[in-house]
Protein backbone atom coordinates (compact mmCIF):
# COMPACT_ATOMS: atom_id res chain seq x y z
CA ALA A 1 110.64 307.28 -5.42
CA LEU A 2 113.62 308.62 -6.87
CA GLY A 3 113.49 311.59 -4.89
CA GLU A 4 113.11 309.72 -1.74
CA ARG A 5 116.45 307.55 -3.02
CA ALA A 6 118.05 310.82 -3.73
CA LEU A 7 117.54 311.78 0.32
CA ALA A 8 118.44 308.42 1.44
CA LEU A 9 122.06 308.99 1.63
CA ARG A 10 121.58 312.23 3.77
CA TRP A 11 119.25 310.81 5.67
CA ALA A 12 121.62 307.58 7.03
CA ARG A 13 124.49 309.93 7.72
CA SER A 14 122.41 312.28 9.96
CA ILE A 15 120.94 308.98 11.99
CA LEU A 16 123.69 306.71 11.95
CA PRO A 17 125.76 309.48 14.64
CA ARG A 18 122.59 309.51 16.69
CA GLY A 19 122.66 305.08 17.78
CA ALA A 20 119.30 305.10 18.71
CA PRO A 21 117.81 301.59 18.88
CA GLY A 22 117.40 300.99 15.35
CA ASP A 23 119.24 303.28 13.79
CA ALA A 24 122.04 300.93 12.41
CA GLU A 25 119.80 299.00 10.53
CA LYS A 26 117.70 301.81 9.09
CA ALA A 27 120.91 303.65 8.17
CA ARG A 28 122.31 300.34 6.67
CA GLU A 29 118.98 300.41 4.22
CA LEU A 30 118.89 303.93 3.17
CA ALA A 31 122.45 303.92 2.45
CA THR A 32 122.28 300.22 0.38
CA ALA A 33 119.35 302.30 -1.56
CA ALA A 34 121.22 305.34 -2.30
CA LEU A 35 124.40 303.07 -3.45
CA ALA A 36 121.71 301.25 -6.00
CA THR A 37 120.17 304.45 -7.20
CA ALA A 38 123.90 306.19 -7.61
CA GLU A 39 125.13 303.02 -9.77
CA GLU A 40 122.48 302.73 -11.85
CA LEU A 41 122.43 306.31 -12.55
CA GLY A 42 125.98 306.57 -12.93
CA LEU A 43 126.57 308.54 -9.66
CA GLY A 44 130.36 308.07 -8.03
CA TRP A 45 130.59 310.29 -5.83
CA VAL A 46 127.53 309.19 -4.37
CA ALA A 47 128.43 305.62 -4.56
CA THR A 48 131.43 306.37 -2.94
CA GLN A 49 130.10 307.99 -0.14
CA SER A 50 127.33 305.36 0.18
CA ARG A 51 129.86 302.52 0.65
CA ARG A 52 131.66 305.10 3.13
CA VAL A 53 128.62 304.88 5.59
CA LEU A 54 128.28 301.06 5.07
CA ASP A 55 131.55 300.84 6.32
CA GLN A 56 131.06 302.33 9.66
CA ILE A 57 128.15 300.44 10.54
């Protein structure tokens, strides 16, 4: 589970520009999970990047 959450930000950042149906919703879900993990583990950079992805949606 933690490994999947660790990759969530990368996945969100890769699918968002694609713009296929459902990509924005999936990117939001993934970035939200990445943000939660980052905050839980005190990973400031990941939290910042996750918020940036969420701001783009």
